[in-house]
Amino acid sequence: MLTLRNLGKTYANDVRALEGFSLTVAPGEIVAVIGGSGCGKSTLLRLISGLDNASRGSVELNGDVVRQPHPLINLIFQEPRLLPWLTVANNVGFGLAEIEGEDRRQQIELALKKVGLADLAQRWPKELSGGQAQRVAIARALVTQPEVLLLDEPFSALDAFTRADLQDHLLGIWDETRPTLLLVTHDIDEALVLADRVIVMRPWPGRILDEIKVDLPRKRDRTSAAFETVKRQLFKALDTSLQLS
């Protein structure tokens, strides 16, 4: 269980990036966080991942307070951030330093197979397309079997076709082990395709404005009347957020 208790973050220049943010995310749940620029979405992920510490409140995973990077929490960034001097296989295995030999090789092979890149294990990052590189980043994040996976606009730099393909692929991988996913995005369709709930934030400082439940069966039809109904709800909440900014 991921629990955020009254999180607040004020930077040294007195900018209040986040205030009073409380949220509970159940194991295996997918939650999307959406809102305009400057509402603290990326700050939120940095606090949850342990890359930064809150000024107020706490991040807890299964009752333990997270104050530094946690072995059960992984983060996927907007850019793949692959290490250019390592092959695809060694990029995926970067987080498996404590595992050696055949066990390590098998885990890497399985992770690459899950993202459809088993035949590219010995390629270099510079030889990959944007979509392939992001698949490697997903494999690297999942190979350590995290309990919580954080995604900071992971598909925003990709074209629409590749983005939709990776959204579906991510759901397929998620369905195997059901980690908790917390996704930050600007893409309304992406939020509704992936999430069980969408948290709408308002800025200055960043805090929760609304919560939209997405009670639609997967795989979701973006052209259905039910999808459009939830989409209108989300647009309305975002419009309110913009008026308050």
Protein backbone atom coordinates (compact mmCIF):
# COMPACT_ATOMS: atom_id res chain seq x y z
CA MET A 1 0.00 0.00 0.00
CA LEU A 2 1.38 3.39 -1.04
CA THR A 3 0.26 6.17 1.29
CA LEU A 4 0.95 9.88 0.90
CA ARG A 5 0.15 11.85 4.05
CA ASN A 6 -0.31 15.60 3.78
CA LEU A 7 2.74 16.00 1.54
CA GLY A 8 4.22 19.47 1.12
CA LYS A 9 7.36 20.71 -0.60
CA THR A 10 8.82 24.22 -0.37
CA TYR A 11 12.09 24.89 -2.18
CA ALA A 12 14.95 27.09 -0.96
CA ASN A 13 13.67 30.02 -3.04
CA ASP A 14 10.38 29.84 -1.06
CA VAL A 15 8.45 28.38 -4.01
CA ARG A 16 5.70 26.13 -2.63
CA ALA A 17 5.59 23.34 -5.19
CA LEU A 18 3.23 21.04 -3.29
CA GLU A 19 0.90 21.40 -0.32
CA GLY A 20 -1.49 19.13 1.58
CA PHE A 21 -1.29 16.24 -0.89
CA SER A 22 -2.83 13.08 0.58
CA LEU A 23 -3.50 9.92 -1.42
CA THR A 24 -3.72 6.17 -0.85
CA VAL A 25 -2.97 3.83 -3.76
CA ALA A 26 -3.93 0.18 -3.39
CA PRO A 27 -1.59 -2.64 -4.48
CA GLY A 28 -1.97 -3.22 -8.22
CA GLU A 29 -3.93 -0.03 -8.81
CA ILE A 30 -3.11 2.34 -11.68
CA VAL A 31 -3.49 6.03 -10.82
CA ALA A 32 -2.84 8.88 -13.26
CA VAL A 33 -2.00 12.40 -12.11
CA ILE A 34 -2.82 15.20 -14.53
CA GLY A 35 -2.72 18.99 -14.42
CA GLY A 36 -1.17 22.07 -15.98
CA SER A 37 2.50 23.00 -15.93
CA GLY A 38 3.75 24.06 -12.52
CA CYS A 39 1.26 22.09 -10.43
CA GLY A 40 3.94 19.89 -8.84
CA LYS A 41 3.47 16.62 -10.70
CA SER A 42 7.16 15.88 -11.20
CA THR A 43 7.94 17.07 -7.66
CA LEU A 44 5.38 14.56 -6.41
CA LEU A 45 7.15 11.68 -8.18
CA ARG A 46 10.53 12.77 -6.86
CA LEU A 47 9.17 12.70 -3.30
CA ILE A 48 7.58 9.28 -3.74
CA SER A 49 10.74 7.84 -5.34
CA GLY A 50 12.94 9.12 -2.49
CA LEU A 51 15.03 11.29 -4.83
CA ASP A 52 13.90 14.32 -2.81
CA ASN A 53 12.50 14.77 0.69
CA ALA A 54 9.22 16.41 1.60
CA SER A 55 9.15 19.62 3.64
CA ARG A 56 6.01 18.36 5.36
CA GLY A 57 4.13 15.08 5.54
CA SER A 58 5.35 11.62 4.61
CA VAL A 59 5.53 8.96 1.90
CA GLU A 60 4.90 5.44 3.19
CA LEU A 61 5.12 2.06 1.49
CA ASN A 62 3.49 -0.73 3.51
CA GLY A 63 3.86 1.42 6.63
CA ASP A 64 7.57 2.19 6.13
CA VAL A 65 8.49 5.87 5.61
CA VAL A 66 10.36 6.49 2.34
CA ARG A 67 13.20 9.02 2.78
CA GLN A 68 15.62 7.78 0.11
CA PRO A 69 15.52 5.62 -3.04
CA HIS A 70 13.68 2.43 -2.18
CA PRO A 71 14.38 -1.03 -3.67
CA LEU A 72 10.64 -1.62 -4.24
CA ILE A 73 10.03 1.71 -6.03
CA ASN A 74 11.26 2.40 -9.56
CA LEU A 75 10.90 5.49 -11.75
CA ILE A 76 10.65 5.77 -15.55
CA PHE A 77 11.44 9.21 -16.93
CA GLN A 78 10.21 10.98 -20.06
CA GLU A 79 13.55 10.23 -21.73
CA PRO A 80 14.81 6.62 -21.61
CA ARG A 81 18.12 7.72 -20.01
CA LEU A 82 19.96 4.63 -21.23
CA LEU A 83 23.70 4.41 -20.58
CA PRO A 84 25.28 4.77 -24.04
CA TRP A 85 28.38 2.72 -23.18
CA LEU A 86 26.29 -0.34 -22.25
CA THR A 87 24.46 -2.73 -24.55
CA VAL A 88 20.69 -3.10 -24.32
CA ALA A 89 21.11 -6.23 -22.18
CA ASN A 90 23.53 -4.54 -19.79
CA ASN A 91 21.30 -1.47 -19.51
CA VAL A 92 18.44 -3.75 -18.45
CA GLY A 93 20.68 -5.61 -16.02
CA PHE A 94 22.12 -2.44 -14.48
CA GLY A 95 19.90 -2.81 -11.40
CA LEU A 96 20.82 -6.47 -10.91
CA ALA A 97 24.32 -5.87 -9.55
CA GLU A 98 23.82 -8.37 -6.72
CA ILE A 99 22.83 -11.16 -9.10
CA GLU A 100 25.47 -12.90 -11.22
CA GLY A 101 25.89 -15.61 -13.80
CA GLU A 102 23.05 -17.58 -15.32
CA ASP A 103 20.35 -16.18 -13.02
CA ARG A 104 21.20 -12.63 -14.12
CA ARG A 105 21.27 -13.59 -17.78
CA GLN A 106 17.89 -15.31 -17.55
CA GLN A 107 16.24 -12.37 -15.78
CA ILE A 108 17.55 -9.95 -18.42
CA GLU A 109 16.44 -12.25 -21.22
CA LEU A 110 12.95 -12.58 -19.73
CA ALA A 111 12.62 -8.81 -19.22
CA LEU A 112 13.59 -8.12 -22.84
CA LYS A 113 11.22 -10.81 -24.06
CA LYS A 114 8.34 -9.15 -22.19
CA VAL A 115 8.93 -5.86 -24.03
CA GLY A 116 9.45 -7.58 -27.39
CA LEU A 117 13.17 -6.83 -27.71
CA ALA A 118 14.81 -10.21 -27.08
CA ASP A 119 16.56 -10.04 -30.46
CA LEU A 120 18.11 -6.62 -29.71
CA ALA A 121 20.00 -7.59 -26.55
CA GLN A 122 23.45 -6.80 -27.99
CA ARG A 123 22.49 -3.54 -29.70
CA TRP A 124 23.75 -0.15 -28.46
CA PRO A 125 21.28 2.55 -27.36
CA LYS A 126 22.23 4.73 -30.36
CA GLU A 127 20.96 1.98 -32.67
CA LEU A 128 17.43 2.03 -31.22
CA SER A 129 14.34 3.97 -32.24
CA GLY A 130 12.63 6.16 -29.63
CA GLY A 131 9.98 3.53 -28.99
CA GLN A 132 12.55 0.74 -28.66
CA ALA A 133 14.63 2.82 -26.23
CA GLN A 134 11.59 3.43 -24.04
CA ARG A 135 10.82 -0.30 -24.07
CA VAL A 136 14.33 -0.91 -22.76
CA ALA A 137 13.69 1.65 -20.01
CA ILE A 138 10.49 -0.20 -19.08
CA ALA A 139 12.34 -3.53 -19.02
CA ARG A 140 15.10 -2.02 -16.85
CA ALA A 141 12.51 -0.68 -14.39
CA LEU A 142 10.59 -3.95 -14.18
CA VAL A 143 13.47 -6.44 -14.06
CA THR A 144 13.96 -5.79 -10.33
CA GLN A 145 10.25 -6.60 -9.76
CA PRO A 146 9.28 -3.32 -8.05
CA GLU A 147 6.13 -3.07 -6.00
CA VAL A 148 5.56 0.51 -7.19
CA LEU A 149 6.39 1.85 -10.65
CA LEU A 150 6.36 5.63 -11.17
CA LEU A 151 6.09 7.01 -14.71
CA ASP A 152 6.89 10.65 -15.49
CA GLU A 153 5.28 11.29 -18.91
CA PRO A 154 7.11 8.26 -20.32
CA PHE A 155 5.59 8.37 -23.82
CA SER A 156 5.22 12.10 -24.44
CA ALA A 157 8.26 12.34 -26.76
CA LEU A 158 6.91 9.63 -29.08
CA ASP A 159 4.60 9.85 -32.07
CA ALA A 160 0.91 9.06 -31.55
CA PHE A 161 1.05 5.57 -33.09
CA THR A 162 4.09 4.49 -31.05
CA ARG A 163 2.62 6.06 -27.90
CA ALA A 164 -0.65 4.11 -28.24
CA ASP A 165 1.28 0.90 -28.93
CA LEU A 166 3.44 1.32 -25.81
CA GLN A 167 0.41 2.16 -23.66
CA ASP A 168 -1.16 -1.16 -24.65
CA HIS A 169 2.15 -2.96 -24.20
CA LEU A 170 2.61 -1.50 -20.71
CA LEU A 171 -0.85 -2.73 -19.71
CA GLY A 172 0.01 -6.20 -20.98
CA ILE A 173 3.17 -6.32 -18.87
CA TRP A 174 1.39 -4.82 -15.84
CA ASP A 175 -1.28 -7.52 -16.05
CA GLU A 176 1.30 -10.26 -15.42
CA THR A 177 2.44 -9.15 -11.94
CA ARG A 178 0.14 -6.17 -11.14
CA PRO A 179 2.60 -3.66 -9.63
CA THR A 180 1.15 -0.37 -8.43
CA LEU A 181 1.49 2.25 -11.19
CA LEU A 182 1.46 5.99 -10.59
CA LEU A 183 1.56 7.90 -13.86
CA VAL A 184 2.10 11.61 -14.47
CA THR A 185 0.85 12.75 -17.87
CA HIS A 186 -0.45 15.72 -19.86
CA ASP A 187 -2.30 13.36 -22.21
CA ILE A 188 -5.99 13.00 -21.32
CA ASP A 189 -6.52 9.94 -23.51
CA GLU A 190 -3.45 8.27 -22.01
CA ALA A 191 -4.76 8.84 -18.48
CA LEU A 192 -8.14 7.36 -19.37
CA VAL A 193 -6.71 4.40 -21.29
CA LEU A 194 -4.41 3.36 -18.45
CA ALA A 195 -5.80 4.45 -15.10
CA ASP A 196 -8.36 3.22 -12.59
CA ARG A 197 -8.45 6.77 -11.15
CA VAL A 198 -7.32 10.14 -12.45
CA ILE A 199 -6.16 12.75 -9.94
CA VAL A 200 -6.58 16.32 -11.22
CA MET A 201 -4.19 18.86 -9.68
CA ARG A 202 -4.33 22.63 -9.40
CA PRO A 203 -1.20 24.78 -9.08
CA TRP A 204 0.39 27.38 -6.83
CA PRO A 205 0.95 25.34 -4.72
CA GLY A 206 0.19 21.96 -6.27
CA ARG A 207 -2.69 20.13 -4.60
CA ILE A 208 -5.59 17.83 -5.45
CA LEU A 209 -8.59 19.49 -7.08
CA ASP A 210 -10.64 16.48 -8.14
CA GLU A 211 -10.62 12.70 -8.57
CA ILE A 212 -12.22 10.96 -11.56
CA LYS A 213 -12.93 7.22 -11.36
CA VAL A 214 -12.54 5.36 -14.65
CA ASP A 215 -14.89 2.38 -14.35
CA LEU A 216 -14.32 1.08 -17.87
CA PRO A 217 -13.25 -2.46 -18.81
CA ARG A 218 -9.83 -2.97 -20.36
CA LYS A 219 -8.89 -2.91 -23.24
CA ARG A 220 -10.63 0.48 -23.50
CA ASP A 221 -12.25 1.70 -26.67
CA ARG A 222 -11.25 5.34 -27.17
CA THR A 223 -14.18 5.85 -29.57
CA SER A 224 -16.91 4.52 -27.27
CA ALA A 225 -19.66 6.68 -25.78
CA ALA A 226 -18.63 5.61 -22.25
CA PHE A 227 -15.03 6.71 -22.88
CA GLU A 228 -16.25 10.07 -24.17
CA THR A 229 -18.45 10.55 -21.10
CA VAL A 230 -15.52 10.12 -18.69
CA LYS A 231 -13.37 12.27 -20.96
CA ARG A 232 -15.88 15.13 -20.68
CA GLN A 233 -15.77 14.82 -16.88
CA LEU A 234 -11.99 15.10 -16.96
CA PHE A 235 -12.05 18.07 -19.34
CA LYS A 236 -14.46 19.84 -17.00
CA ALA A 237 -12.19 19.26 -13.99
CA LEU A 238 -9.13 20.45 -15.94
CA ASP A 239 -10.98 23.56 -17.08
CA THR A 240 -11.75 24.36 -13.44
CA SER A 241 -8.08 23.83 -12.59
CA LEU A 242 -6.99 26.28 -15.30
CA GLN A 243 -9.46 28.90 -14.08
CA LEU A 244 -8.01 28.62 -10.57
CA SER A 245 -4.38 28.89 -11.69
